[in-house]
């Protein structure tokens, strides 16, 4: 985390993967192909704000790169971006703390597959979560 200014922090992370099949005696046709279902990259950005009054807010965005759905690298799933937001209030009571927040995950209601692959010549998709709202109450003793 990097502190931009008092109360505002930014987090940035990412990875790049170039995973290929080196050798496969059972199916030499996929040698040199990318391993299926592994995104080329992932990038995550988070912004967290907290005020001394107890108010806080956060934004989290994640970009997932394209990936192949099959061993032969014939079917490719596109990249996608999902964003989450939260706003809340926290209050300390001695050594205890109460926190109440509301938020929305998948703010832009992006339609994406959490898992996508090809099996017996057919593409299979398991949908990611649609936009949803939540409330959270936590108490630490």
C-alpha atoms as a PDB file:
ATOM      1  CA  UNK A   1       0.000   0.000   0.000  1.00  0.00           C
ATOM      2  CA  UNK A   2       1.133   3.499  -0.775  1.00  0.00           C
ATOM      3  CA  UNK A   3      -0.123   6.491   1.187  1.00  0.00           C
ATOM      4  CA  UNK A   4      -1.181   9.207  -1.260  1.00  0.00           C
ATOM      5  CA  UNK A   5      -2.215  11.629   1.481  1.00  0.00           C
ATOM      6  CA  UNK A   6      -3.521  11.489   5.026  1.00  0.00           C
ATOM      7  CA  UNK A   7      -6.300   8.887   5.045  1.00  0.00           C
ATOM      8  CA  UNK A   8      -5.958   7.840   1.390  1.00  0.00           C
ATOM      9  CA  UNK A   9      -4.041   4.721   0.370  1.00  0.00           C
ATOM     10  CA  UNK A  10      -3.622   3.026  -2.978  1.00  0.00           C
ATOM     11  CA  UNK A  11      -2.861  -0.644  -3.611  1.00  0.00           C
ATOM     12  CA  UNK A  12      -1.751  -1.977  -6.966  1.00  0.00           C
ATOM     13  CA  UNK A  13      -0.888  -5.544  -7.824  1.00  0.00           C
ATOM     14  CA  UNK A  14      -0.528  -7.572 -10.946  1.00  0.00           C
ATOM     15  CA  UNK A  15       0.820 -10.688 -12.499  1.00  0.00           C
ATOM     16  CA  UNK A  16       1.753 -11.894 -15.942  1.00  0.00           C
ATOM     17  CA  UNK A  17       1.761 -15.585 -16.777  1.00  0.00           C
ATOM     18  CA  UNK A  18       3.093 -17.247 -19.888  1.00  0.00           C
ATOM     19  CA  UNK A  19       2.554 -20.927 -19.132  1.00  0.00           C
ATOM     20  CA  UNK A  20       3.124 -23.339 -22.016  1.00  0.00           C
ATOM     21  CA  UNK A  21       3.063 -27.123 -22.266  1.00  0.00           C
ATOM     22  CA  UNK A  22       6.684 -28.237 -22.637  1.00  0.00           C
ATOM     23  CA  UNK A  23       6.104 -31.920 -23.135  1.00  0.00           C
ATOM     24  CA  UNK A  24       3.056 -34.194 -23.251  1.00  0.00           C
ATOM     25  CA  UNK A  25       3.680 -37.771 -24.435  1.00  0.00           C
ATOM     26  CA  UNK A  26      -0.068 -38.515 -24.167  1.00  0.00           C
ATOM     27  CA  UNK A  27      -0.925 -35.696 -26.620  1.00  0.00           C
ATOM     28  CA  UNK A  28       2.091 -34.192 -28.443  1.00  0.00           C
ATOM     29  CA  UNK A  29      -0.235 -31.911 -30.462  1.00  0.00           C
ATOM     30  CA  UNK A  30      -0.547 -29.531 -27.503  1.00  0.00           C
ATOM     31  CA  UNK A  31       3.196 -29.165 -26.905  1.00  0.00           C
ATOM     32  CA  UNK A  32       4.146 -25.501 -27.173  1.00  0.00           C
ATOM     33  CA  UNK A  33       0.526 -24.410 -26.574  1.00  0.00           C
ATOM     34  CA  UNK A  34      -0.541 -22.189 -23.695  1.00  0.00           C
ATOM     35  CA  UNK A  35      -2.040 -23.968 -20.706  1.00  0.00           C
ATOM     36  CA  UNK A  36      -5.800 -23.471 -20.811  1.00  0.00           C
ATOM     37  CA  UNK A  37      -7.811 -21.477 -18.249  1.00  0.00           C
ATOM     38  CA  UNK A  38      -4.830 -19.425 -17.054  1.00  0.00           C
ATOM     39  CA  UNK A  39      -5.273 -15.686 -17.752  1.00  0.00           C
ATOM     40  CA  UNK A  40      -2.381 -13.943 -19.450  1.00  0.00           C
ATOM     41  CA  UNK A  41      -2.458 -11.239 -16.770  1.00  0.00           C
ATOM     42  CA  UNK A  42      -4.368  -9.910 -13.766  1.00  0.00           C
ATOM     43  CA  UNK A  43      -4.242  -6.342 -12.515  1.00  0.00           C
ATOM     44  CA  UNK A  44      -5.890  -5.140  -9.301  1.00  0.00           C
ATOM     45  CA  UNK A  45      -6.217  -1.560  -8.068  1.00  0.00           C
ATOM     46  CA  UNK A  46      -7.581  -0.572  -4.681  1.00  0.00           C
ATOM     47  CA  UNK A  47      -8.237   2.828  -3.147  1.00  0.00           C
ATOM     48  CA  UNK A  48      -9.015   3.080   0.564  1.00  0.00           C
ATOM     49  CA  UNK A  49     -10.063   6.284   2.309  1.00  0.00           C
ATOM     50  CA  UNK A  50     -10.615   6.722   6.021  1.00  0.00           C
ATOM     51  CA  UNK A  51     -11.424   9.904   7.909  1.00  0.00           C
ATOM     52  CA  UNK A  52     -10.713  10.536  11.580  1.00  0.00           C
ATOM     53  CA  UNK A  53     -14.480  10.965  12.099  1.00  0.00           C
ATOM     54  CA  UNK A  54     -14.893   7.230  11.412  1.00  0.00           C
ATOM     55  CA  UNK A  55     -16.168   7.461   7.846  1.00  0.00           C
ATOM     56  CA  UNK A  56     -14.441   5.230   5.321  1.00  0.00           C
ATOM     57  CA  UNK A  57     -14.796   4.272   1.667  1.00  0.00           C
ATOM     58  CA  UNK A  58     -13.088   1.912  -0.734  1.00  0.00           C
ATOM     59  CA  UNK A  59     -12.920   1.112  -4.420  1.00  0.00           C
ATOM     60  CA  UNK A  60     -11.472  -2.100  -5.796  1.00  0.00           C
ATOM     61  CA  UNK A  61     -11.100  -2.910  -9.488  1.00  0.00           C
ATOM     62  CA  UNK A  62      -9.746  -6.060 -11.102  1.00  0.00           C
ATOM     63  CA  UNK A  63      -8.857  -6.590 -14.761  1.00  0.00           C
ATOM     64  CA  UNK A  64      -8.478 -10.225 -15.799  1.00  0.00           C
ATOM     65  CA  UNK A  65      -6.714 -10.897 -19.091  1.00  0.00           C
ATOM     66  CA  UNK A  66      -7.752 -13.254 -21.874  1.00  0.00           C
ATOM     67  CA  UNK A  67      -7.162 -16.987 -21.659  1.00  0.00           C
ATOM     68  CA  UNK A  68      -7.558 -20.078 -23.784  1.00  0.00           C
ATOM     69  CA  UNK A  69     -10.474 -22.336 -22.956  1.00  0.00           C
ATOM     70  CA  UNK A  70      -9.028 -25.492 -24.521  1.00  0.00           C
ATOM     71  CA  UNK A  71      -5.754 -27.417 -24.801  1.00  0.00           C
ATOM     72  CA  UNK A  72      -5.451 -26.719 -28.552  1.00  0.00           C
ATOM     73  CA  UNK A  73      -5.697 -22.924 -28.001  1.00  0.00           C
ATOM     74  CA  UNK A  74      -8.571 -22.631 -30.493  1.00  0.00           C
ATOM     75  CA  UNK A  75     -11.151 -21.035 -28.157  1.00  0.00           C
ATOM     76  CA  UNK A  76     -10.214 -17.843 -26.313  1.00  0.00           C
ATOM     77  CA  UNK A  77     -12.145 -16.065 -23.565  1.00  0.00           C
ATOM     78  CA  UNK A  78     -11.905 -12.248 -23.616  1.00  0.00           C
ATOM     79  CA  UNK A  79     -10.536 -10.098 -20.832  1.00  0.00           C
ATOM     80  CA  UNK A  80     -12.947  -8.452 -18.373  1.00  0.00           C
ATOM     81  CA  UNK A  81     -13.072  -5.797 -15.634  1.00  0.00           C
ATOM     82  CA  UNK A  82     -15.048  -5.955 -12.382  1.00  0.00           C
ATOM     83  CA  UNK A  83     -15.299  -3.153  -9.786  1.00  0.00           C
ATOM     84  CA  UNK A  84     -16.514  -3.079  -6.166  1.00  0.00           C
ATOM     85  CA  UNK A  85     -17.282  -0.123  -3.856  1.00  0.00           C
ATOM     86  CA  UNK A  86     -18.004   0.253  -0.153  1.00  0.00           C
ATOM     87  CA  UNK A  87     -18.779   3.109   2.238  1.00  0.00           C
ATOM     88  CA  UNK A  88     -19.139   2.916   5.977  1.00  0.00           C
ATOM     89  CA  UNK A  89     -18.608   4.203   9.476  1.00  0.00           C
ATOM     90  CA  UNK A  90     -16.548   2.796  12.337  1.00  0.00           C
ATOM     91  CA  UNK A  91     -16.552   3.728  15.997  1.00  0.00           C
ATOM     92  CA  UNK A  92     -14.214   2.680  18.796  1.00  0.00           C
ATOM     93  CA  UNK A  93     -15.480   1.861  22.279  1.00  0.00           C
ATOM     94  CA  UNK A  94     -12.407   1.415  24.444  1.00  0.00           C
ATOM     95  CA  UNK A  95     -10.666  -1.672  23.040  1.00  0.00           C
ATOM     96  CA  UNK A  96     -13.736  -2.652  21.000  1.00  0.00           C
ATOM     97  CA  UNK A  97     -14.739  -1.414  17.561  1.00  0.00           C
ATOM     98  CA  UNK A  98     -18.039  -1.480  15.666  1.00  0.00           C
ATOM     99  CA  UNK A  99     -18.178  -1.073  11.916  1.00  0.00           C
ATOM    100  CA  UNK A 100     -21.223  -0.646   9.662  1.00  0.00           C
ATOM    101  CA  UNK A 101     -20.888  -0.488   5.888  1.00  0.00           C
ATOM    102  CA  UNK A 102     -22.869  -0.793   2.671  1.00  0.00           C
ATOM    103  CA  UNK A 103     -21.448  -1.697  -0.681  1.00  0.00           C
ATOM    104  CA  UNK A 104     -21.922  -2.927  -4.176  1.00  0.00           C
ATOM    105  CA  UNK A 105     -19.889  -5.630  -5.886  1.00  0.00           C
ATOM    106  CA  UNK A 106     -19.678  -5.764  -9.685  1.00  0.00           C
ATOM    107  CA  UNK A 107     -20.887  -2.148  -9.816  1.00  0.00           C
ATOM    108  CA  UNK A 108     -21.145  -2.045 -13.621  1.00  0.00           C
ATOM    109  CA  UNK A 109     -22.995  -5.405 -13.710  1.00  0.00           C
ATOM    110  CA  UNK A 110     -20.383  -6.936 -16.011  1.00  0.00           C
ATOM    111  CA  UNK A 111     -21.481 -10.247 -17.516  1.00  0.00           C
ATOM    112  CA  UNK A 112     -18.471 -12.560 -17.304  1.00  0.00           C
ATOM    113  CA  UNK A 113     -17.615 -16.185 -16.704  1.00  0.00           C
ATOM    114  CA  UNK A 114     -15.855 -17.053 -13.466  1.00  0.00           C
ATOM    115  CA  UNK A 115     -14.840 -20.286 -15.216  1.00  0.00           C
ATOM    116  CA  UNK A 116     -14.870 -21.011 -18.956  1.00  0.00           C
ATOM    117  CA  UNK A 117     -13.566 -24.092 -20.736  1.00  0.00           C
ATOM    118  CA  UNK A 118     -14.153 -26.391 -23.702  1.00  0.00           C
ATOM    119  CA  UNK A 119     -15.197 -29.986 -23.095  1.00  0.00           C
ATOM    120  CA  UNK A 120     -15.971 -32.531 -25.842  1.00  0.00           C
ATOM    121  CA  UNK A 121     -16.167 -29.747 -28.425  1.00  0.00           C
ATOM    122  CA  UNK A 122     -18.623 -27.570 -26.476  1.00  0.00           C
ATOM    123  CA  UNK A 123     -17.844 -24.359 -24.625  1.00  0.00           C
ATOM    124  CA  UNK A 124     -18.880 -24.378 -20.961  1.00  0.00           C
ATOM    125  CA  UNK A 125     -19.360 -21.181 -18.951  1.00  0.00           C
ATOM    126  CA  UNK A 126     -19.988 -20.713 -15.252  1.00  0.00           C
ATOM    127  CA  UNK A 127     -21.200 -17.136 -14.772  1.00  0.00           C
ATOM    128  CA  UNK A 128     -19.543 -14.741 -12.357  1.00  0.00           C
ATOM    129  CA  UNK A 129     -21.654 -12.949  -9.772  1.00  0.00           C
ATOM    130  CA  UNK A 130     -23.916 -10.224 -11.172  1.00  0.00           C
ATOM    131  CA  UNK A 131     -24.159  -6.830  -9.457  1.00  0.00           C
ATOM    132  CA  UNK A 132     -25.227  -7.176  -5.851  1.00  0.00           C
ATOM    133  CA  UNK A 133     -25.583  -4.905  -2.853  1.00  0.00           C
ATOM    134  CA  UNK A 134     -24.716  -5.756   0.728  1.00  0.00           C
ATOM    135  CA  UNK A 135     -24.651  -4.434   4.267  1.00  0.00           C
ATOM    136  CA  UNK A 136     -22.062  -5.493   6.802  1.00  0.00           C
ATOM    137  CA  UNK A 137     -21.959  -5.065  10.557  1.00  0.00           C
ATOM    138  CA  UNK A 138     -18.894  -6.189  12.471  1.00  0.00           C
ATOM    139  CA  UNK A 139     -17.950  -5.872  16.108  1.00  0.00           C
ATOM    140  CA  UNK A 140     -14.448  -6.551  17.430  1.00  0.00           C
ATOM    141  CA  UNK A 141     -13.925  -7.164  21.138  1.00  0.00           C
END
